[in-house]
Amino acid sequence: MRAPPVFAAPVVAERAPAVDVTAGLLVATAYANRGLNQFGADQTSLAGLVGPSLELGKGPFTLGWFGAFQATGANRDVVVREGLGHEQNVYATVAGALRDDLVLEGGLLATSYPFASAEAVGVATPLFLEPSVALTLERAVSVSLGLAHAQAVQPGLGGSFTYLSGGLSYATPIHRAAEVVLGATGGAKRWVVGPQGGANSFDADLSWGLHIVADRLDLTPAGHLTWTNLPDRSAGAETFAWFGVETTLGLLESP
């Protein structure tokens, strides 16, 4: 996900930072990836997502995995065969504080489709690598800015682009263990290899949700309105609403 940046010197602690292991599960009515409805028969057709995840963190370093499995939809076999379904992602990140409210993060994301058909896609197990860097300012409103480059590993996949994204989020407590969260994100692609005019170049997402914390368990039900520009489509055909519930559970915290 991120490229290796230069960070501020770490604070020296009296003991090594804890190791945190967190498991997660996202269940949603659609899989929205940079504005695109990945599993739907078209942009406005919903097909369910089951997204398990596992993350290990120690100090500024994080290593994780998440999957995107299509749960519903008559087109599931086709989507998987064409290298868009049953997506697998492994990532590593490192983050450093430039000051108390400003964090710089860098890392690398590897995305693969191990269940894709080589006859349909042209290669077995299509693989994409994506280095990126992100800057987040934490104030009353959290502001983020990111830059990434997605690159196909195997020749013939045809699809690499640079992606600039930004986001705003705001949370307000309504209970000692709950807060309302509002968000807005947007992005722009510059295609390096691939269909310059045949795919989306801009996207936006508005979200609203409730973040509930209970000991080691976090629960976030949220709604989304997602848009991206598509050739020869009206704004209504480029936009879809979807709903998801994300659950995370802290499994381990040890020195």
C-alpha atoms as a PDB file:
ATOM      1  CA  MET A   1       0.000   0.000   0.000  1.00  0.00           C
ATOM      2  CA  ARG A   2       2.685   2.502   0.871  1.00  0.00           C
ATOM      3  CA  ALA A   3       6.189   3.473  -0.194  1.00  0.00           C
ATOM      4  CA  PRO A   4       8.988   3.728   2.412  1.00  0.00           C
ATOM      5  CA  PRO A   5       9.046   7.302   3.760  1.00  0.00           C
ATOM      6  CA  VAL A   6      11.341   8.986   6.309  1.00  0.00           C
ATOM      7  CA  PHE A   7       9.782   9.211   9.756  1.00  0.00           C
ATOM      8  CA  ALA A   8      10.419  11.136  12.939  1.00  0.00           C
ATOM      9  CA  ALA A   9      12.566   9.326  15.496  1.00  0.00           C
ATOM     10  CA  PRO A  10      10.516   6.933  17.635  1.00  0.00           C
ATOM     11  CA  VAL A  11       9.881   7.636  21.303  1.00  0.00           C
ATOM     12  CA  VAL A  12      12.080   5.457  23.495  1.00  0.00           C
ATOM     13  CA  ALA A  13       9.913   3.374  25.814  1.00  0.00           C
ATOM     14  CA  GLU A  14      10.932   1.358  28.862  1.00  0.00           C
ATOM     15  CA  ARG A  15       9.654  -1.862  27.256  1.00  0.00           C
ATOM     16  CA  ALA A  16       9.000  -3.075  23.743  1.00  0.00           C
ATOM     17  CA  PRO A  17       5.580  -2.137  22.326  1.00  0.00           C
ATOM     18  CA  ALA A  18       2.805  -4.691  22.631  1.00  0.00           C
ATOM     19  CA  VAL A  19       1.895  -7.127  19.902  1.00  0.00           C
ATOM     20  CA  ASP A  20      -1.760  -6.732  18.916  1.00  0.00           C
ATOM     21  CA  VAL A  21      -3.690  -9.357  16.947  1.00  0.00           C
ATOM     22  CA  THR A  22      -7.121  -8.380  15.628  1.00  0.00           C
ATOM     23  CA  ALA A  23      -9.658 -10.396  13.646  1.00  0.00           C
ATOM     24  CA  GLY A  24     -12.394  -8.747  11.620  1.00  0.00           C
ATOM     25  CA  LEU A  25     -15.427  -9.507   9.503  1.00  0.00           C
ATOM     26  CA  LEU A  26     -17.256  -7.209   7.097  1.00  0.00           C
ATOM     27  CA  VAL A  27     -20.665  -8.306   5.818  1.00  0.00           C
ATOM     28  CA  ALA A  28     -22.125  -5.946   3.215  1.00  0.00           C
ATOM     29  CA  THR A  29     -24.690  -5.733   0.452  1.00  0.00           C
ATOM     30  CA  ALA A  30     -21.973  -4.832  -2.097  1.00  0.00           C
ATOM     31  CA  TYR A  31     -18.211  -4.653  -2.567  1.00  0.00           C
ATOM     32  CA  ALA A  32     -17.272  -1.090  -3.475  1.00  0.00           C
ATOM     33  CA  ASN A  33     -13.654  -0.743  -4.618  1.00  0.00           C
ATOM     34  CA  ARG A  34     -12.620   2.779  -5.606  1.00  0.00           C
ATOM     35  CA  GLY A  35     -16.109   3.592  -6.771  1.00  0.00           C
ATOM     36  CA  LEU A  36     -16.761   0.378  -8.679  1.00  0.00           C
ATOM     37  CA  ASN A  37     -19.381  -2.206  -7.738  1.00  0.00           C
ATOM     38  CA  GLN A  38     -17.078  -5.212  -8.110  1.00  0.00           C
ATOM     39  CA  PHE A  39     -19.596  -8.022  -7.716  1.00  0.00           C
ATOM     40  CA  GLY A  40     -22.753  -6.555  -9.238  1.00  0.00           C
ATOM     41  CA  ALA A  41     -23.985  -7.535 -12.679  1.00  0.00           C
ATOM     42  CA  ASP A  42     -23.847  -3.760 -13.291  1.00  0.00           C
ATOM     43  CA  GLN A  43     -23.016  -0.697 -11.187  1.00  0.00           C
ATOM     44  CA  THR A  44     -26.402  -0.595  -9.433  1.00  0.00           C
ATOM     45  CA  SER A  45     -27.002  -4.342  -8.911  1.00  0.00           C
ATOM     46  CA  LEU A  46     -26.133  -5.484  -5.389  1.00  0.00           C
ATOM     47  CA  ALA A  47     -24.356  -8.756  -4.602  1.00  0.00           C
ATOM     48  CA  GLY A  48     -23.368  -9.607  -1.041  1.00  0.00           C
ATOM     49  CA  LEU A  49     -19.828  -9.417   0.350  1.00  0.00           C
ATOM     50  CA  VAL A  50     -18.253 -11.453   3.139  1.00  0.00           C
ATOM     51  CA  GLY A  51     -14.877  -9.972   4.055  1.00  0.00           C
ATOM     52  CA  PRO A  52     -12.818 -11.679   6.786  1.00  0.00           C
ATOM     53  CA  SER A  53      -9.563 -10.097   7.953  1.00  0.00           C
ATOM     54  CA  LEU A  54      -6.646 -10.666  10.299  1.00  0.00           C
ATOM     55  CA  GLU A  55      -4.113  -8.066  11.428  1.00  0.00           C
ATOM     56  CA  LEU A  56      -0.957  -8.143  13.536  1.00  0.00           C
ATOM     57  CA  GLY A  57       0.579  -4.929  14.827  1.00  0.00           C
ATOM     58  CA  LYS A  58       3.720  -4.144  16.825  1.00  0.00           C
ATOM     59  CA  GLY A  59       4.660  -0.541  17.433  1.00  0.00           C
ATOM     60  CA  PRO A  60       4.613   1.310  14.094  1.00  0.00           C
ATOM     61  CA  PHE A  61       4.497  -1.901  12.031  1.00  0.00           C
ATOM     62  CA  THR A  62       1.382  -3.710  10.803  1.00  0.00           C
ATOM     63  CA  LEU A  63       0.969  -6.920   8.798  1.00  0.00           C
ATOM     64  CA  GLY A  64      -2.454  -8.008   7.664  1.00  0.00           C
ATOM     65  CA  TRP A  65      -4.722  -9.984   5.334  1.00  0.00           C
ATOM     66  CA  PHE A  66      -8.264  -9.442   4.144  1.00  0.00           C
ATOM     67  CA  GLY A  67     -10.434 -11.284   1.658  1.00  0.00           C
ATOM     68  CA  ALA A  68     -13.408 -10.228  -0.438  1.00  0.00           C
ATOM     69  CA  PHE A  69     -15.738 -13.159  -1.121  1.00  0.00           C
ATOM     70  CA  GLN A  70     -18.970 -12.823  -3.087  1.00  0.00           C
ATOM     71  CA  ALA A  71     -21.797 -14.336  -1.031  1.00  0.00           C
ATOM     72  CA  THR A  72     -24.838 -13.799  -3.277  1.00  0.00           C
ATOM     73  CA  GLY A  73     -25.654 -13.220  -6.953  1.00  0.00           C
ATOM     74  CA  ALA A  74     -26.239 -15.533  -9.892  1.00  0.00           C
ATOM     75  CA  ASN A  75     -23.096 -14.107 -11.542  1.00  0.00           C
ATOM     76  CA  ARG A  76     -20.722 -15.272  -8.784  1.00  0.00           C
ATOM     77  CA  ASP A  77     -19.006 -18.023 -10.806  1.00  0.00           C
ATOM     78  CA  VAL A  78     -18.452 -15.649 -13.719  1.00  0.00           C
ATOM     79  CA  VAL A  79     -17.040 -12.902 -11.481  1.00  0.00           C
ATOM     80  CA  VAL A  80     -14.628 -15.328  -9.808  1.00  0.00           C
ATOM     81  CA  ARG A  81     -13.553 -16.859 -13.121  1.00  0.00           C
ATOM     82  CA  GLU A  82     -12.816 -13.429 -14.611  1.00  0.00           C
ATOM     83  CA  GLY A  83     -10.524 -12.402 -11.753  1.00  0.00           C
ATOM     84  CA  LEU A  84     -12.761 -10.006  -9.797  1.00  0.00           C
ATOM     85  CA  GLY A  85     -14.181 -12.350  -7.150  1.00  0.00           C
ATOM     86  CA  HIS A  86     -12.746 -14.118  -4.097  1.00  0.00           C
ATOM     87  CA  GLU A  87     -10.061 -11.437  -3.906  1.00  0.00           C
ATOM     88  CA  GLN A  88      -7.120 -11.961  -1.507  1.00  0.00           C
ATOM     89  CA  ASN A  89      -5.074  -9.085  -0.090  1.00  0.00           C
ATOM     90  CA  VAL A  90      -1.900  -9.090   2.010  1.00  0.00           C
ATOM     91  CA  TYR A  91      -0.409  -5.822   3.228  1.00  0.00           C
ATOM     92  CA  ALA A  92       2.397  -4.414   5.356  1.00  0.00           C
ATOM     93  CA  THR A  93       2.560  -0.859   6.678  1.00  0.00           C
ATOM     94  CA  VAL A  94       4.788   1.292   8.815  1.00  0.00           C
ATOM     95  CA  ALA A  95       3.645   4.555  10.391  1.00  0.00           C
ATOM     96  CA  GLY A  96       5.346   7.424  12.158  1.00  0.00           C
ATOM     97  CA  ALA A  97       4.164  10.594  13.863  1.00  0.00           C
ATOM     98  CA  LEU A  98       5.531  13.784  12.336  1.00  0.00           C
ATOM     99  CA  ARG A  99       3.879  15.601  15.261  1.00  0.00           C
ATOM    100  CA  ASP A 100       1.141  14.831  17.784  1.00  0.00           C
ATOM    101  CA  ASP A 101      -1.706  15.180  15.270  1.00  0.00           C
ATOM    102  CA  LEU A 102       0.046  14.272  12.000  1.00  0.00           C
ATOM    103  CA  VAL A 103       0.865  10.713  10.913  1.00  0.00           C
ATOM    104  CA  LEU A 104       2.744   9.513   7.841  1.00  0.00           C
ATOM    105  CA  GLU A 105       2.248   5.902   6.767  1.00  0.00           C
ATOM    106  CA  GLY A 106       3.918   3.812   4.092  1.00  0.00           C
ATOM    107  CA  GLY A 107       3.622   0.214   2.942  1.00  0.00           C
ATOM    108  CA  LEU A 108       2.822  -2.318   0.267  1.00  0.00           C
ATOM    109  CA  LEU A 109      -0.355  -4.144  -0.761  1.00  0.00           C
ATOM    110  CA  ALA A 110      -0.418  -7.393  -2.771  1.00  0.00           C
ATOM    111  CA  THR A 111      -3.771  -8.314  -4.352  1.00  0.00           C
ATOM    112  CA  SER A 112      -4.327 -11.704  -5.966  1.00  0.00           C
ATOM    113  CA  TYR A 113      -7.172 -13.738  -7.477  1.00  0.00           C
ATOM    114  CA  PRO A 114      -6.154 -17.380  -6.906  1.00  0.00           C
ATOM    115  CA  PHE A 115      -9.501 -18.794  -8.069  1.00  0.00           C
ATOM    116  CA  ALA A 116      -9.511 -17.002 -11.446  1.00  0.00           C
ATOM    117  CA  SER A 117      -9.526 -19.004 -14.672  1.00  0.00           C
ATOM    118  CA  ALA A 118      -6.305 -18.788 -16.655  1.00  0.00           C
ATOM    119  CA  GLU A 119      -8.352 -19.244 -19.844  1.00  0.00           C
ATOM    120  CA  ALA A 120     -10.564 -16.269 -19.001  1.00  0.00           C
ATOM    121  CA  VAL A 121      -7.899 -13.914 -17.625  1.00  0.00           C
ATOM    122  CA  GLY A 122      -4.836 -15.019 -19.576  1.00  0.00           C
ATOM    123  CA  VAL A 123      -2.715 -15.936 -16.533  1.00  0.00           C
ATOM    124  CA  ALA A 124      -3.069 -18.134 -13.478  1.00  0.00           C
ATOM    125  CA  THR A 125      -3.437 -16.337 -10.128  1.00  0.00           C
ATOM    126  CA  PRO A 126      -3.428 -12.700 -11.333  1.00  0.00           C
ATOM    127  CA  LEU A 127      -1.314 -10.582  -8.997  1.00  0.00           C
ATOM    128  CA  PHE A 128      -1.090  -6.808  -8.480  1.00  0.00           C
ATOM    129  CA  LEU A 129       1.352  -4.882  -6.290  1.00  0.00           C
ATOM    130  CA  GLU A 130       0.559  -1.462  -4.890  1.00  0.00           C
ATOM    131  CA  PRO A 131       3.036   0.726  -3.013  1.00  0.00           C
ATOM    132  CA  SER A 132       1.564   3.873  -1.498  1.00  0.00           C
ATOM    133  CA  VAL A 133       2.001   6.644   1.023  1.00  0.00           C
ATOM    134  CA  ALA A 134      -0.625   8.397   3.162  1.00  0.00           C
ATOM    135  CA  LEU A 135      -0.719  11.441   5.398  1.00  0.00           C
ATOM    136  CA  THR A 136      -3.415  11.861   8.088  1.00  0.00           C
ATOM    137  CA  LEU A 137      -4.159  14.948  10.151  1.00  0.00           C
ATOM    138  CA  GLU A 138      -6.182  14.182  13.289  1.00  0.00           C
ATOM    139  CA  ARG A 139      -8.177  17.188  14.459  1.00  0.00           C
ATOM    140  CA  ALA A 140     -11.892  17.725  15.162  1.00  0.00           C
ATOM    141  CA  VAL A 141     -12.253  16.602  11.540  1.00  0.00           C
ATOM    142  CA  SER A 142      -9.775  13.953  10.395  1.00  0.00           C
ATOM    143  CA  VAL A 143      -8.202  14.756   7.006  1.00  0.00           C
ATOM    144  CA  SER A 144      -6.275  12.224   4.925  1.00  0.00           C
ATOM    145  CA  LEU A 145      -4.376  12.324   1.644  1.00  0.00           C
ATOM    146  CA  GLY A 146      -2.956   9.293  -0.149  1.00  0.00           C
ATOM    147  CA  LEU A 147      -0.991   8.408  -3.277  1.00  0.00           C
ATOM    148  CA  ALA A 148      -0.727   4.861  -4.636  1.00  0.00           C
ATOM    149  CA  HIS A 149       0.435   3.063  -7.761  1.00  0.00           C
ATOM    150  CA  ALA A 150      -1.222  -0.231  -8.741  1.00  0.00           C
ATOM    151  CA  GLN A 151       0.897  -2.419 -11.024  1.00  0.00           C
ATOM    152  CA  ALA A 152       0.067  -5.764 -12.628  1.00  0.00           C
ATOM    153  CA  VAL A 153       2.853  -8.297 -12.032  1.00  0.00           C
ATOM    154  CA  GLN A 154       2.230 -10.702 -14.925  1.00  0.00           C
ATOM    155  CA  PRO A 155       2.560  -9.455 -18.504  1.00  0.00           C
ATOM    156  CA  GLY A 156      -0.732  -9.366 -20.360  1.00  0.00           C
ATOM    157  CA  LEU A 157      -2.961  -8.362 -17.457  1.00  0.00           C
ATOM    158  CA  GLY A 158      -2.974  -4.798 -18.762  1.00  0.00           C
ATOM    159  CA  GLY A 159      -3.886  -2.460 -15.970  1.00  0.00           C
ATOM    160  CA  SER A 160      -1.654  -0.103 -14.031  1.00  0.00           C
ATOM    161  CA  PHE A 161      -2.551   3.303 -12.692  1.00  0.00           C
ATOM    162  CA  THR A 162      -1.599   5.986 -10.196  1.00  0.00           C
ATOM    163  CA  TYR A 163      -4.322   6.816  -7.691  1.00  0.00           C
ATOM    164  CA  LEU A 164      -4.657  10.038  -5.704  1.00  0.00           C
ATOM    165  CA  SER A 165      -7.215   9.987  -2.890  1.00  0.00           C
ATOM    166  CA  GLY A 166      -8.449  12.185  -0.067  1.00  0.00           C
ATOM    167  CA  GLY A 167     -10.911  11.879   2.758  1.00  0.00           C
ATOM    168  CA  LEU A 168     -12.687  13.612   5.615  1.00  0.00           C
ATOM    169  CA  SER A 169     -14.221  11.990   8.684  1.00  0.00           C
ATOM    170  CA  TYR A 170     -15.955  13.309  11.760  1.00  0.00           C
ATOM    171  CA  ALA A 171     -17.020  11.446  14.902  1.00  0.00           C
ATOM    172  CA  THR A 172     -19.230  12.693  17.721  1.00  0.00           C
ATOM    173  CA  PRO A 173     -19.964  10.681  20.890  1.00  0.00           C
ATOM    174  CA  ILE A 174     -23.576   9.880  21.720  1.00  0.00           C
ATOM    175  CA  HIS A 175     -22.809   7.440  24.559  1.00  0.00           C
ATOM    176  CA  ARG A 176     -19.762   6.434  26.572  1.00  0.00           C
ATOM    177  CA  ALA A 177     -19.364   3.420  24.244  1.00  0.00           C
ATOM    178  CA  ALA A 178     -20.777   4.739  20.966  1.00  0.00           C
ATOM    179  CA  GLU A 179     -20.207   7.511  18.450  1.00  0.00           C
ATOM    180  CA  VAL A 180     -21.747   8.631  15.187  1.00  0.00           C
ATOM    181  CA  VAL A 181     -19.228   8.685  12.343  1.00  0.00           C
ATOM    182  CA  LEU A 182     -19.619  10.661   9.103  1.00  0.00           C
ATOM    183  CA  GLY A 183     -17.218  10.365   6.187  1.00  0.00           C
ATOM    184  CA  ALA A 184     -16.492  11.519   2.656  1.00  0.00           C
ATOM    185  CA  THR A 185     -13.788  10.192   0.348  1.00  0.00           C
ATOM    186  CA  GLY A 186     -12.796  10.772  -3.264  1.00  0.00           C
ATOM    187  CA  GLY A 187     -10.163   9.619  -5.696  1.00  0.00           C
ATOM    188  CA  ALA A 188      -8.744  10.097  -9.173  1.00  0.00           C
ATOM    189  CA  LYS A 189      -6.901   7.589 -11.375  1.00  0.00           C
ATOM    190  CA  ARG A 190      -4.307   8.293 -14.025  1.00  0.00           C
ATOM    191  CA  TRP A 191      -4.008   5.192 -16.167  1.00  0.00           C
ATOM    192  CA  VAL A 192      -0.453   4.284 -17.170  1.00  0.00           C
ATOM    193  CA  VAL A 193      -1.318   1.019 -18.910  1.00  0.00           C
ATOM    194  CA  GLY A 194      -4.882   0.051 -19.697  1.00  0.00           C
ATOM    195  CA  PRO A 195      -8.146   1.426 -21.044  1.00  0.00           C
ATOM    196  CA  GLN A 196      -7.731   5.175 -20.583  1.00  0.00           C
ATOM    197  CA  GLY A 197     -11.275   5.942 -21.707  1.00  0.00           C
ATOM    198  CA  GLY A 198     -12.844   2.549 -21.010  1.00  0.00           C
ATOM    199  CA  ALA A 199     -12.817   2.562 -17.217  1.00  0.00           C
ATOM    200  CA  ASN A 200     -13.540   4.846 -14.320  1.00  0.00           C
ATOM    201  CA  SER A 201     -11.207   7.747 -13.544  1.00  0.00           C
ATOM    202  CA  PHE A 202     -12.966   9.497 -10.645  1.00  0.00           C
ATOM    203  CA  ASP A 203     -14.909   8.230  -7.645  1.00  0.00           C
ATOM    204  CA  ALA A 204     -16.567   9.478  -4.457  1.00  0.00           C
ATOM    205  CA  ASP A 205     -18.197   7.940  -1.412  1.00  0.00           C
ATOM    206  CA  LEU A 206     -20.367   9.381   1.361  1.00  0.00           C
ATOM    207  CA  SER A 207     -20.812   7.323   4.520  1.00  0.00           C
ATOM    208  CA  TRP A 208     -22.660   7.477   7.808  1.00  0.00           C
ATOM    209  CA  GLY A 209     -22.434   4.970  10.630  1.00  0.00           C
ATOM    210  CA  LEU A 210     -22.409   4.124  14.309  1.00  0.00           C
ATOM    211  CA  HIS A 211     -19.202   2.960  16.015  1.00  0.00           C
ATOM    212  CA  ILE A 212     -19.854   0.835  19.113  1.00  0.00           C
ATOM    213  CA  VAL A 213     -17.071  -0.283  21.450  1.00  0.00           C
ATOM    214  CA  ALA A 214     -17.444  -3.047  24.040  1.00  0.00           C
ATOM    215  CA  ASP A 215     -14.164  -4.156  25.656  1.00  0.00           C
ATOM    216  CA  ARG A 216     -12.177  -5.773  22.806  1.00  0.00           C
ATOM    217  CA  LEU A 217     -15.129  -5.852  20.398  1.00  0.00           C
ATOM    218  CA  ASP A 218     -15.856  -3.041  17.922  1.00  0.00           C
ATOM    219  CA  LEU A 219     -19.054  -2.997  15.863  1.00  0.00           C
ATOM    220  CA  THR A 220     -19.714  -0.502  13.053  1.00  0.00           C
ATOM    221  CA  PRO A 221     -22.936  -0.613  11.006  1.00  0.00           C
ATOM    222  CA  ALA A 222     -22.744   1.946   8.197  1.00  0.00           C
ATOM    223  CA  GLY A 223     -24.483   3.114   5.040  1.00  0.00           C
ATOM    224  CA  HIS A 224     -22.750   4.323   1.879  1.00  0.00           C
ATOM    225  CA  LEU A 225     -23.577   6.205  -1.296  1.00  0.00           C
ATOM    226  CA  THR A 226     -20.909   5.487  -3.911  1.00  0.00           C
ATOM    227  CA  TRP A 227     -20.340   7.033  -7.349  1.00  0.00           C
ATOM    228  CA  THR A 228     -17.838   6.699 -10.174  1.00  0.00           C
ATOM    229  CA  ASN A 229     -17.759   7.996 -13.733  1.00  0.00           C
ATOM    230  CA  LEU A 230     -18.511   5.354 -16.351  1.00  0.00           C
ATOM    231  CA  PRO A 231     -18.544   5.746 -20.146  1.00  0.00           C
ATOM    232  CA  ASP A 232     -21.962   6.398 -21.676  1.00  0.00           C
ATOM    233  CA  ARG A 233     -23.813   6.194 -18.338  1.00  0.00           C
ATOM    234  CA  SER A 234     -26.090   8.684 -16.608  1.00  0.00           C
ATOM    235  CA  ALA A 235     -25.317   9.802 -13.039  1.00  0.00           C
ATOM    236  CA  GLY A 236     -28.064   7.513 -11.768  1.00  0.00           C
ATOM    237  CA  ALA A 237     -26.481   4.503 -13.446  1.00  0.00           C
ATOM    238  CA  GLU A 238     -23.091   5.410 -11.960  1.00  0.00           C
ATOM    239  CA  THR A 239     -24.305   5.580  -8.346  1.00  0.00           C
ATOM    240  CA  PHE A 240     -25.358   2.889  -5.875  1.00  0.00           C
ATOM    241  CA  ALA A 241     -26.246   2.746  -2.192  1.00  0.00           C
ATOM    242  CA  TRP A 242     -25.107  -0.104   0.020  1.00  0.00           C
ATOM    243  CA  PHE A 243     -24.988  -1.093   3.673  1.00  0.00           C
ATOM    244  CA  GLY A 244     -22.451  -3.028   5.728  1.00  0.00           C
ATOM    245  CA  VAL A 245     -21.612  -4.137   9.254  1.00  0.00           C
ATOM    246  CA  GLU A 246     -17.962  -4.416  10.254  1.00  0.00           C
ATOM    247  CA  THR A 247     -16.922  -6.281  13.400  1.00  0.00           C
ATOM    248  CA  THR A 248     -13.408  -6.368  14.860  1.00  0.00           C
ATOM    249  CA  LEU A 249     -12.243  -8.401  17.835  1.00  0.00           C
ATOM    250  CA  GLY A 250      -8.955  -8.011  19.676  1.00  0.00           C
ATOM    251  CA  LEU A 251      -7.539 -11.527  20.045  1.00  0.00           C
ATOM    252  CA  LEU A 252      -4.206 -10.833  21.709  1.00  0.00           C
ATOM    253  CA  GLU A 253      -2.284  -8.022  23.338  1.00  0.00           C
ATOM    254  CA  SER A 254       1.060  -8.963  24.826  1.00  0.00           C
ATOM    255  CA  PRO A 255       4.356  -7.191  25.585  1.00  0.00           C
END
